[in-house]
């Protein structure tokens, strides 16, 4: 009798599962959209008569809008409630998608992508807040595993869907496909999401903090996007933006320490040991693992001459590995603590990354698929347990302000990881080409994607060597994760005591 009671208590409540699935419906739309647009970028730029440098602003403008709106999300959820903000975000994203589909020039498309980004930027922190409050600390690992589905499957199946849409329809459909999904997500949210609590006194919005924090994130993300496009950090128009972003974040920290709980995001949240170690871990995970997601489709498309559809299908084993690992990792996190689960995930990620350091022009697809399956299991066992650990000891009232913080950290880490790996890849390729007297054209990832098919066949061995070098960098960045992982809690999560909550939270 006691074992059956324990089993029932060990299961996620039906309401938590339903809430998680409603959140997934909204998030999958945003995550898929990002990868679909990346696949279609060349087609869109050609049909709108724009150069690739101008078309890159379709991605950059969206990214900057996300950075602009993330800090506002916590205050908005406290002021109006998580459910209204969630629904508003989906509606704004859908409206931006419809406008993008109707764009008549590259300038209008960039402007409408910014509108889309303002909605999309609030969805991840909003979704994390809703699911964290619904699950409670005892079942946070399993609840976060549900939330991890779109975050890990989107980069895998987005290229497949994008390739299909670009190949068999017009580019307008990469945006129109969001609208029916958004309608379903809004209907489910109205029907099934709990209203959620509105803070008794959310206070007036911290305007100075909003300007400092949003401005710093935008400047920092723009500098990192410039580093990716230029293929390095050695240019003053990259370093200057990055320095300005870091200085802005330092000014916001000083402002928040002085203003305390009334600041937009109270930096004293980081006095909570588990939140601080989880934040560092999320930053490093984003650098190492999300950056690696950029290399795989590039390798398949440039070295192995696969189209977007073929590359997406070949990436599917990684998503399947994540699907297998996430529910197991979530259950073990709730029972044992993330400190036991995440190191195992890191080892799996290392085992799945090591063979990629020796990729060649004819590496077996079966071997690559098996490798990616193991790597996907590592991703699934690292990312969401880390989020669960960061939230585990926070008071319910602090979650709405912690979620935007973690989203911003993840966004910066992912951008930094992409810039670092693109830099490693292109500089290694440039060095190899120069040593053989072959001039390198372009900069950043465009140096590779702009190669004509005939040139790709000629330099394919050099390209594969450059990818192997970049995967070595990814391997090293993944290995570094083991150190902060040792600071994660090694005991089951329980409700936070008042004294365990960060001051001002």
Protein backbone atom coordinates (compact mmCIF):
# COMPACT_ATOMS: atom_id res chain seq x y z
CA UNK A 1 0.00 0.00 0.00
CA UNK A 2 2.82 2.34 0.90
CA UNK A 3 4.68 1.60 -2.36
CA UNK A 4 1.59 2.39 -4.44
CA UNK A 5 1.13 5.68 -2.58
CA UNK A 6 4.79 6.52 -3.22
CA UNK A 7 4.41 5.65 -6.91
CA UNK A 8 1.41 7.93 -7.23
CA UNK A 9 3.26 10.75 -5.46
CA UNK A 10 6.23 10.15 -7.76
CA UNK A 11 4.17 10.79 -10.89
CA UNK A 12 3.60 14.20 -12.38
CA UNK A 13 0.12 15.54 -11.73
CA UNK A 14 -2.13 15.57 -14.76
CA UNK A 15 -2.44 19.36 -14.49
CA UNK A 16 1.35 19.74 -14.65
CA UNK A 17 1.60 17.49 -17.72
CA UNK A 18 -1.21 19.38 -19.47
CA UNK A 19 0.36 22.72 -18.59
CA UNK A 20 3.71 21.51 -19.93
CA UNK A 21 2.20 20.36 -23.22
CA UNK A 22 0.41 23.70 -23.66
CA UNK A 23 3.72 25.51 -23.12
CA UNK A 24 5.47 23.17 -25.58
CA UNK A 25 2.88 24.03 -28.23
CA UNK A 26 3.89 27.69 -28.03
CA UNK A 27 7.64 27.13 -27.72
CA UNK A 28 7.94 24.67 -30.59
CA UNK A 29 6.62 27.34 -32.93
CA UNK A 30 9.36 29.80 -31.93
CA UNK A 31 12.24 27.30 -31.91
CA UNK A 32 11.27 25.82 -35.27
CA UNK A 33 10.86 29.28 -36.79
CA UNK A 34 14.44 30.22 -35.93
CA UNK A 35 15.96 27.23 -37.71
CA UNK A 36 13.53 27.39 -40.63
CA UNK A 37 14.47 31.02 -41.33
CA UNK A 38 18.19 30.16 -41.22
CA UNK A 39 17.65 27.46 -43.86
CA UNK A 40 15.62 29.78 -46.11
CA UNK A 41 17.86 32.85 -45.74
CA UNK A 42 19.63 32.47 -49.08
CA UNK A 43 16.34 31.92 -50.97
CA UNK A 44 14.67 34.91 -49.30
CA UNK A 45 17.59 37.23 -50.01
CA UNK A 46 17.73 36.17 -53.66
CA UNK A 47 14.00 36.60 -54.29
CA UNK A 48 13.90 39.99 -52.56
CA UNK A 49 16.97 41.16 -54.47
CA UNK A 50 19.11 41.73 -51.39
CA UNK A 51 22.72 40.85 -50.66
CA UNK A 52 23.53 38.21 -48.07
CA UNK A 53 24.92 40.87 -45.70
CA UNK A 54 21.59 42.71 -45.74
CA UNK A 55 19.64 39.46 -45.45
CA UNK A 56 21.65 38.55 -42.36
CA UNK A 57 19.72 41.30 -40.58
CA UNK A 58 16.64 39.07 -40.85
CA UNK A 59 18.34 36.93 -38.19
CA UNK A 60 20.18 39.73 -36.36
CA UNK A 61 17.11 41.98 -36.05
CA UNK A 62 15.13 39.13 -34.49
CA UNK A 63 17.97 38.33 -32.09
CA UNK A 64 18.27 41.94 -30.94
CA UNK A 65 14.50 42.19 -30.38
CA UNK A 66 14.68 39.09 -28.18
CA UNK A 67 17.47 40.68 -26.12
CA UNK A 68 15.48 43.90 -25.84
CA UNK A 69 12.32 42.32 -24.42
CA UNK A 70 13.67 39.53 -22.17
CA UNK A 71 14.41 41.79 -19.15
CA UNK A 72 10.87 43.20 -19.26
CA UNK A 73 9.20 39.79 -19.02
CA UNK A 74 9.56 39.26 -15.27
CA UNK A 75 8.00 42.58 -14.29
CA UNK A 76 5.21 42.14 -16.86
CA UNK A 77 4.33 38.69 -15.48
CA UNK A 78 4.24 40.04 -11.92
CA UNK A 79 2.09 42.98 -13.01
CA UNK A 80 -0.41 41.24 -15.32
CA UNK A 81 0.04 37.53 -14.55
CA UNK A 82 1.90 34.80 -16.50
CA UNK A 83 -1.12 33.62 -18.51
CA UNK A 84 -2.04 37.01 -20.10
CA UNK A 85 1.63 37.68 -20.93
CA UNK A 86 1.98 34.20 -22.47
CA UNK A 87 -1.08 34.69 -24.68
CA UNK A 88 -0.02 38.23 -25.63
CA UNK A 89 3.43 36.95 -26.62
CA UNK A 90 1.97 34.28 -28.90
CA UNK A 91 -0.42 36.79 -30.53
CA UNK A 92 2.45 39.25 -31.09
CA UNK A 93 4.63 36.50 -32.58
CA UNK A 94 1.80 35.39 -34.88
CA UNK A 95 1.12 38.98 -35.96
CA UNK A 96 4.81 39.42 -36.76
CA UNK A 97 4.75 36.16 -38.74
CA UNK A 98 1.78 37.31 -40.82
CA UNK A 99 3.47 40.64 -41.51
CA UNK A 100 6.72 38.86 -42.49
CA UNK A 101 4.80 36.71 -44.99
CA UNK A 102 3.40 39.92 -46.53
CA UNK A 103 6.78 41.70 -46.69
CA UNK A 104 7.49 43.43 -49.99
CA UNK A 105 11.18 44.30 -49.46
CA UNK A 106 14.14 43.27 -47.34
CA UNK A 107 13.70 46.39 -45.19
CA UNK A 108 10.06 45.61 -44.41
CA UNK A 109 10.91 41.98 -43.66
CA UNK A 110 13.61 43.02 -41.18
CA UNK A 111 11.17 45.42 -39.47
CA UNK A 112 8.50 42.73 -39.17
CA UNK A 113 11.05 40.23 -37.85
CA UNK A 114 11.71 42.67 -35.01
CA UNK A 115 7.98 42.60 -34.19
CA UNK A 116 8.15 38.80 -34.25
CA UNK A 117 11.17 38.84 -31.93
CA UNK A 118 9.38 41.02 -29.38
CA UNK A 119 6.81 38.25 -29.02
CA UNK A 120 9.23 35.34 -29.23
CA UNK A 121 11.59 36.79 -26.63
CA UNK A 122 8.95 36.62 -23.89
CA UNK A 123 7.87 33.03 -24.58
CA UNK A 124 10.84 31.09 -23.15
CA UNK A 125 11.03 32.92 -19.78
CA UNK A 126 7.24 32.98 -19.64
CA UNK A 127 7.02 29.24 -20.26
CA UNK A 128 9.68 28.49 -17.64
CA UNK A 129 7.86 30.59 -15.06
CA UNK A 130 4.51 28.89 -15.66
CA UNK A 131 5.85 25.32 -15.59
CA UNK A 132 8.09 25.98 -12.56
CA UNK A 133 5.20 27.36 -10.52
CA UNK A 134 2.88 24.54 -11.61
CA UNK A 135 5.29 21.70 -10.78
CA UNK A 136 6.84 22.90 -7.55
CA UNK A 137 10.41 22.04 -6.56
CA UNK A 138 9.76 18.33 -5.85
CA UNK A 139 8.92 17.50 -9.49
CA UNK A 140 10.82 20.23 -11.29
CA UNK A 141 13.25 17.89 -13.07
CA UNK A 142 10.48 15.96 -14.84
CA UNK A 143 8.53 19.13 -15.60
CA UNK A 144 11.62 20.74 -17.16
CA UNK A 145 12.12 17.60 -19.26
CA UNK A 146 8.79 18.35 -20.94
CA UNK A 147 9.94 21.92 -21.60
CA UNK A 148 13.20 20.67 -23.11
CA UNK A 149 11.46 18.87 -25.97
CA UNK A 150 11.08 21.88 -28.30
CA UNK A 151 14.45 23.36 -27.30
CA UNK A 152 16.35 20.24 -28.38
CA UNK A 153 14.14 18.97 -31.21
CA UNK A 154 13.69 22.35 -32.91
CA UNK A 155 17.29 22.58 -34.22
CA UNK A 156 16.95 19.01 -35.53
CA UNK A 157 13.61 19.09 -37.32
CA UNK A 158 13.61 22.79 -38.22
CA UNK A 159 16.01 22.27 -41.16
CA UNK A 160 13.83 19.39 -42.41
CA UNK A 161 10.67 21.49 -42.37
CA UNK A 162 12.53 24.49 -43.75
CA UNK A 163 13.97 22.43 -46.59
CA UNK A 164 10.54 21.06 -47.48
CA UNK A 165 8.91 24.50 -47.45
CA UNK A 166 11.65 26.14 -49.51
CA UNK A 167 11.79 23.26 -51.99
CA UNK A 168 8.06 22.78 -52.60
CA UNK A 169 6.45 26.15 -51.72
CA UNK A 170 7.41 29.84 -51.66
CA UNK A 171 9.45 31.46 -48.88
CA UNK A 172 6.29 33.12 -47.53
CA UNK A 173 5.23 29.78 -46.06
CA UNK A 174 8.14 29.71 -43.62
CA UNK A 175 6.20 32.42 -41.77
CA UNK A 176 2.61 31.46 -42.64
CA UNK A 177 3.12 28.01 -41.09
CA UNK A 178 3.35 29.70 -37.66
CA UNK A 179 -0.18 31.10 -37.76
CA UNK A 180 -2.25 27.89 -37.36
CA UNK A 181 0.17 26.71 -34.65
CA UNK A 182 -0.24 30.04 -32.86
CA UNK A 183 -4.02 29.80 -33.06
CA UNK A 184 -3.90 26.33 -31.50
CA UNK A 185 -1.45 27.51 -28.81
CA UNK A 186 -3.70 30.46 -27.87
CA UNK A 187 -6.82 28.27 -27.74
CA UNK A 188 -5.08 25.73 -25.51
CA UNK A 189 -3.69 28.46 -23.26
CA UNK A 190 -7.10 30.09 -22.80
CA UNK A 191 -8.65 26.70 -22.08
CA UNK A 192 -6.04 24.93 -19.96
CA UNK A 193 -3.49 27.30 -18.44
CA UNK A 194 -4.05 28.35 -14.83
CA UNK A 195 -4.52 32.05 -14.33
CA UNK A 196 -1.48 32.35 -12.08
CA UNK A 197 -0.87 34.85 -9.35
CA UNK A 198 -0.40 38.56 -9.86
CA UNK A 199 2.10 40.09 -7.45
CA UNK A 200 0.42 42.06 -4.68
CA UNK A 201 2.70 45.00 -5.32
CA UNK A 202 4.84 44.61 -8.46
CA UNK A 203 5.92 48.24 -8.13
CA UNK A 204 6.54 50.75 -10.87
CA UNK A 205 8.68 49.60 -13.74
CA UNK A 206 12.39 50.23 -13.26
CA UNK A 207 12.91 52.44 -16.31
CA UNK A 208 16.59 53.12 -15.73
CA UNK A 209 17.25 49.43 -15.15
CA UNK A 210 15.30 48.53 -18.29
CA UNK A 211 17.35 50.93 -20.40
CA UNK A 212 20.64 49.69 -18.93
CA UNK A 213 19.87 45.98 -19.03
CA UNK A 214 18.03 45.77 -22.35
CA UNK A 215 20.52 48.13 -23.98
CA UNK A 216 23.46 46.08 -22.70
CA UNK A 217 21.98 42.81 -23.94
CA UNK A 218 21.25 44.27 -27.37
CA UNK A 219 24.78 45.70 -27.69
CA UNK A 220 26.39 42.47 -26.46
CA UNK A 221 24.34 40.23 -28.77
CA UNK A 222 25.05 42.52 -31.72
CA UNK A 223 28.79 42.33 -31.00
CA UNK A 224 28.63 38.53 -30.90
CA UNK A 225 26.67 38.41 -34.17
CA UNK A 226 29.37 40.63 -35.72
CA UNK A 227 32.03 38.21 -34.45
CA UNK A 228 30.22 35.34 -36.20
CA UNK A 229 29.85 37.22 -39.47
CA UNK A 230 33.46 38.52 -39.41
CA UNK A 231 34.92 35.18 -38.34
CA UNK A 232 36.78 36.46 -35.31
CA UNK A 233 37.06 38.80 -32.34
CA UNK A 234 40.05 40.77 -33.60
CA UNK A 235 38.12 43.62 -35.24
CA UNK A 236 37.48 46.85 -33.38
CA UNK A 237 33.87 46.95 -34.57
CA UNK A 238 33.46 43.64 -32.70
CA UNK A 239 35.55 44.37 -29.61
CA UNK A 240 34.02 47.82 -29.17
CA UNK A 241 30.47 46.46 -29.07
CA UNK A 242 31.45 43.68 -26.66
CA UNK A 243 33.24 46.09 -24.30
CA UNK A 244 30.24 48.43 -24.35
CA UNK A 245 27.91 45.53 -23.54
CA UNK A 246 30.03 44.34 -20.61
CA UNK A 247 30.33 47.89 -19.24
CA UNK A 248 26.54 48.27 -19.53
CA UNK A 249 25.99 45.04 -17.55
CA UNK A 250 28.42 46.28 -14.88
CA UNK A 251 26.48 49.55 -14.62
CA UNK A 252 23.23 47.62 -14.30
CA UNK A 253 24.73 45.49 -11.52
CA UNK A 254 25.71 48.66 -9.62
CA UNK A 255 22.22 50.08 -10.22
CA UNK A 256 20.50 46.88 -9.02
CA UNK A 257 22.60 46.64 -5.85
CA UNK A 258 21.58 50.18 -4.98
CA UNK A 259 17.89 49.79 -5.84
CA UNK A 260 17.49 46.29 -4.38
CA UNK A 261 14.20 44.42 -4.82
CA UNK A 262 12.72 47.35 -6.76
CA UNK A 263 15.17 46.80 -9.63
CA UNK A 264 14.00 45.06 -12.78
CA UNK A 265 16.02 41.93 -11.96
CA UNK A 266 17.59 41.85 -8.50
CA UNK A 267 21.19 40.69 -8.95
CA UNK A 268 21.14 39.49 -5.34
CA UNK A 269 19.40 36.39 -6.71
CA UNK A 270 22.97 35.23 -7.36
CA UNK A 271 23.63 35.05 -3.61
CA UNK A 272 21.57 31.85 -3.77
CA UNK A 273 24.27 29.22 -4.24
CA UNK A 274 22.20 26.88 -6.39
CA UNK A 275 20.89 29.64 -8.64
CA UNK A 276 24.42 31.03 -9.08
CA UNK A 277 25.98 27.65 -9.91
CA UNK A 278 23.02 26.80 -12.17
CA UNK A 279 23.42 30.13 -14.00
CA UNK A 280 27.12 29.54 -14.62
CA UNK A 281 26.33 26.03 -15.79
CA UNK A 282 23.58 27.22 -18.17
CA UNK A 283 25.96 29.80 -19.65
CA UNK A 284 28.67 27.19 -20.27
CA UNK A 285 26.18 24.59 -21.55
CA UNK A 286 24.87 27.12 -24.07
CA UNK A 287 28.42 27.94 -25.22
CA UNK A 288 29.52 24.33 -25.63
CA UNK A 289 26.42 22.51 -26.79
CA UNK A 290 24.32 25.07 -28.68
CA UNK A 291 27.42 26.27 -30.53
CA UNK A 292 28.03 22.67 -31.61
CA UNK A 293 24.54 22.51 -33.09
CA UNK A 294 25.67 25.08 -35.68
CA UNK A 295 28.57 22.95 -36.94
CA UNK A 296 26.64 19.77 -37.74
CA UNK A 297 24.30 21.05 -40.48
CA UNK A 298 27.19 23.07 -41.97
CA UNK A 299 29.31 19.92 -42.18
CA UNK A 300 26.57 17.90 -43.88
CA UNK A 301 25.73 20.68 -46.35
CA UNK A 302 29.26 21.78 -47.30
CA UNK A 303 31.47 18.71 -46.93
CA UNK A 304 28.91 16.00 -47.73
CA UNK A 305 26.86 18.05 -50.27
CA UNK A 306 23.55 17.35 -48.52
CA UNK A 307 20.60 19.68 -49.01
CA UNK A 308 18.69 21.22 -46.11
CA UNK A 309 16.27 18.29 -46.06
CA UNK A 310 18.97 15.62 -46.10
CA UNK A 311 21.03 17.42 -43.43
CA UNK A 312 17.96 17.70 -41.21
CA UNK A 313 17.20 13.99 -41.50
CA UNK A 314 20.80 13.09 -40.71
CA UNK A 315 20.58 15.22 -37.55
CA UNK A 316 17.45 13.38 -36.37
CA UNK A 317 19.38 10.77 -34.27
CA UNK A 318 20.60 13.57 -32.00
CA UNK A 319 17.01 14.62 -31.31
CA UNK A 320 15.97 11.03 -30.71
CA UNK A 321 18.79 10.60 -28.20
CA UNK A 322 17.60 13.67 -26.34
CA UNK A 323 14.01 12.37 -26.30
CA UNK A 324 15.20 9.08 -24.77
CA UNK A 325 17.35 10.75 -22.11
CA UNK A 326 15.21 13.68 -20.97
CA UNK A 327 12.43 11.83 -19.09
CA UNK A 328 14.97 9.53 -17.41
CA UNK A 329 17.20 12.47 -16.48
CA UNK A 330 14.21 14.42 -15.16
CA UNK A 331 13.08 11.57 -12.91
CA UNK A 332 16.61 10.98 -11.59
CA UNK A 333 17.07 14.70 -10.95
CA UNK A 334 14.00 14.77 -8.73
CA UNK A 335 15.12 11.64 -6.86
CA UNK A 336 18.87 12.18 -6.55
CA UNK A 337 19.64 15.77 -7.48
CA UNK A 338 21.13 17.35 -10.60
CA UNK A 339 24.65 16.98 -9.18
CA UNK A 340 24.52 13.23 -9.91
CA UNK A 341 22.75 13.41 -13.27
CA UNK A 342 24.50 16.28 -15.08
CA UNK A 343 28.07 14.86 -14.85
CA UNK A 344 26.84 11.63 -16.48
CA UNK A 345 25.24 13.74 -19.23
CA UNK A 346 28.53 15.59 -19.74
CA UNK A 347 30.39 12.29 -20.14
CA UNK A 348 27.82 11.15 -22.73
CA UNK A 349 28.14 14.48 -24.56
CA UNK A 350 31.93 14.07 -24.61
CA UNK A 351 31.62 10.51 -25.91
CA UNK A 352 29.29 11.78 -28.64
CA UNK A 353 31.54 14.71 -29.57
CA UNK A 354 34.94 12.95 -29.60
CA UNK A 355 34.33 10.95 -32.84
CA UNK A 356 33.27 14.17 -34.58
CA UNK A 357 36.81 15.50 -34.19
CA UNK A 358 37.85 12.98 -36.88
CA UNK A 359 35.11 13.56 -39.45
CA UNK A 360 36.16 13.22 -43.07
CA UNK A 361 34.73 13.39 -46.55
CA UNK A 362 33.52 9.79 -46.41
CA UNK A 363 32.77 9.11 -42.75
CA UNK A 364 30.05 6.48 -42.43
CA UNK A 365 26.57 7.95 -41.99
CA UNK A 366 25.68 5.00 -39.72
CA UNK A 367 28.67 5.79 -37.48
CA UNK A 368 27.76 9.49 -37.43
CA UNK A 369 24.14 8.67 -36.57
CA UNK A 370 25.20 6.46 -33.64
CA UNK A 371 27.56 9.18 -32.43
CA UNK A 372 24.86 11.84 -32.62
CA UNK A 373 22.41 9.62 -30.74
CA UNK A 374 24.87 9.40 -27.83
CA UNK A 375 25.53 13.14 -28.05
CA UNK A 376 21.79 13.81 -27.98
CA UNK A 377 21.47 11.71 -24.82
CA UNK A 378 24.15 13.89 -23.27
CA UNK A 379 22.29 17.07 -24.29
CA UNK A 380 19.07 15.73 -22.81
CA UNK A 381 20.74 14.78 -19.54
CA UNK A 382 22.54 18.11 -19.09
CA UNK A 383 20.39 21.04 -20.11
CA UNK A 384 17.02 20.69 -18.40
CA UNK A 385 18.34 19.20 -15.11
CA UNK A 386 20.58 22.27 -14.94
CA UNK A 387 17.56 24.56 -15.29
CA UNK A 388 15.75 22.53 -12.62
CA UNK A 389 18.70 22.92 -10.24
CA UNK A 390 18.81 26.69 -10.78
CA UNK A 391 15.11 27.06 -9.88
CA UNK A 392 14.99 24.41 -7.13
CA UNK A 393 15.73 26.58 -4.08
CA UNK A 394 14.01 29.77 -5.22
CA UNK A 395 10.81 31.01 -3.68
CA UNK A 396 7.78 30.97 -6.02
CA UNK A 397 7.77 34.77 -6.00
CA UNK A 398 11.33 34.89 -7.31
CA UNK A 399 10.74 32.61 -10.30
CA UNK A 400 9.26 35.29 -12.57
CA UNK A 401 12.42 37.40 -12.20
CA UNK A 402 14.81 34.44 -12.33
CA UNK A 403 13.38 33.10 -15.64
CA UNK A 404 14.34 36.16 -17.75
CA UNK A 405 17.78 36.12 -16.13
CA UNK A 406 18.40 32.52 -17.17
CA UNK A 407 16.96 33.14 -20.65
CA UNK A 408 19.31 36.09 -21.16
CA UNK A 409 22.27 34.03 -19.91
CA UNK A 410 21.38 31.18 -22.26
CA UNK A 411 20.97 33.54 -25.23
CA UNK A 412 24.34 35.20 -24.64
CA UNK A 413 26.03 31.83 -24.13
CA UNK A 414 24.56 30.38 -27.33
CA UNK A 415 25.65 33.44 -29.34
CA UNK A 416 29.13 33.34 -27.82
CA UNK A 417 29.46 29.61 -28.51
CA UNK A 418 28.43 30.07 -32.13
CA UNK A 419 30.90 32.93 -32.57
CA UNK A 420 33.76 30.94 -31.00
CA UNK A 421 33.16 27.84 -33.12
CA UNK A 422 32.65 29.79 -36.36
CA UNK A 423 35.92 31.59 -35.59
CA UNK A 424 37.75 28.31 -34.97
CA UNK A 425 36.30 26.77 -38.13
CA UNK A 426 36.98 29.64 -40.52
CA UNK A 427 40.43 30.52 -39.20
CA UNK A 428 41.55 26.89 -39.48
CA UNK A 429 40.18 26.72 -43.03
CA UNK A 430 41.84 30.02 -43.97
CA UNK A 431 45.16 28.79 -42.57
CA UNK A 432 44.93 25.55 -44.57
CA UNK A 433 43.98 27.36 -47.77
CA UNK A 434 46.78 29.93 -47.37
CA UNK A 435 49.37 27.19 -46.78
CA UNK A 436 48.43 25.74 -50.20
CA UNK A 437 48.37 29.08 -51.98
CA UNK A 438 44.58 29.16 -52.31
CA UNK A 439 43.00 32.57 -51.60
CA UNK A 440 40.19 32.58 -49.02
CA UNK A 441 37.06 34.51 -49.99
CA UNK A 442 34.59 36.07 -47.58
CA UNK A 443 34.56 36.02 -43.79
CA UNK A 444 32.79 34.12 -41.06
CA UNK A 445 30.36 31.34 -41.93
CA UNK A 446 29.67 32.97 -45.32
CA UNK A 447 33.23 32.02 -46.27
CA UNK A 448 32.03 28.40 -46.28
CA UNK A 449 28.42 28.69 -47.41
CA UNK A 450 29.34 30.93 -50.35
CA UNK A 451 31.79 28.41 -51.82
CA UNK A 452 30.58 27.21 -55.25
CA UNK A 453 29.90 23.46 -55.52
CA UNK A 454 32.99 22.88 -57.67
CA UNK A 455 35.25 24.60 -55.13
CA UNK A 456 33.68 22.63 -52.27
CA UNK A 457 34.61 19.36 -53.99
CA UNK A 458 38.20 20.57 -54.38
CA UNK A 459 38.67 21.78 -50.81
CA UNK A 460 36.44 19.14 -49.17
CA UNK A 461 39.37 17.42 -47.36
CA UNK A 462 40.51 20.80 -46.00
CA UNK A 463 36.94 21.61 -44.99
CA UNK A 464 36.55 18.33 -43.12
CA UNK A 465 39.85 18.92 -41.30
CA UNK A 466 38.61 22.40 -40.29
CA UNK A 467 35.38 20.91 -38.97
CA UNK A 468 37.39 18.33 -37.01
CA UNK A 469 39.41 21.15 -35.44
CA UNK A 470 36.24 23.08 -34.55
CA UNK A 471 34.79 19.95 -32.92
CA UNK A 472 37.96 19.67 -30.84
CA UNK A 473 37.21 23.17 -29.56
CA UNK A 474 33.62 22.08 -28.85
CA UNK A 475 34.97 19.00 -27.01
CA UNK A 476 37.21 21.17 -24.83
CA UNK A 477 34.37 23.57 -24.03
CA UNK A 478 32.15 20.61 -23.08
CA UNK A 479 34.85 19.16 -20.82
CA UNK A 480 35.01 22.43 -18.87
CA UNK A 481 31.38 21.87 -17.82
CA UNK A 482 32.41 19.21 -15.32
CA UNK A 483 33.75 21.80 -12.84
CA UNK A 484 30.55 23.85 -12.24
CA UNK A 485 28.54 20.60 -12.46
CA UNK A 486 30.22 19.48 -9.24
CA UNK A 487 28.57 22.42 -7.45
CA UNK A 488 25.03 21.38 -8.38
CA UNK A 489 22.88 19.87 -5.59
CA UNK A 490 23.32 16.15 -4.94
CA UNK A 491 20.10 15.61 -3.06
CA UNK A 492 16.39 15.60 -3.97
CA UNK A 493 14.90 19.05 -4.47
CA UNK A 494 12.54 20.30 -1.79
CA UNK A 495 10.59 23.48 -1.26
CA UNK A 496 12.78 26.45 -0.46
CA UNK A 497 12.83 27.64 3.11
CA UNK A 498 12.44 31.39 3.56
CA UNK A 499 16.07 31.77 4.61
CA UNK A 500 17.23 29.94 1.48
CA UNK A 501 15.75 32.56 -0.80
CA UNK A 502 17.98 35.28 -2.16
CA UNK A 503 17.61 38.64 -0.41
CA UNK A 504 15.01 40.79 -2.06
CA UNK A 505 13.61 37.88 -4.02
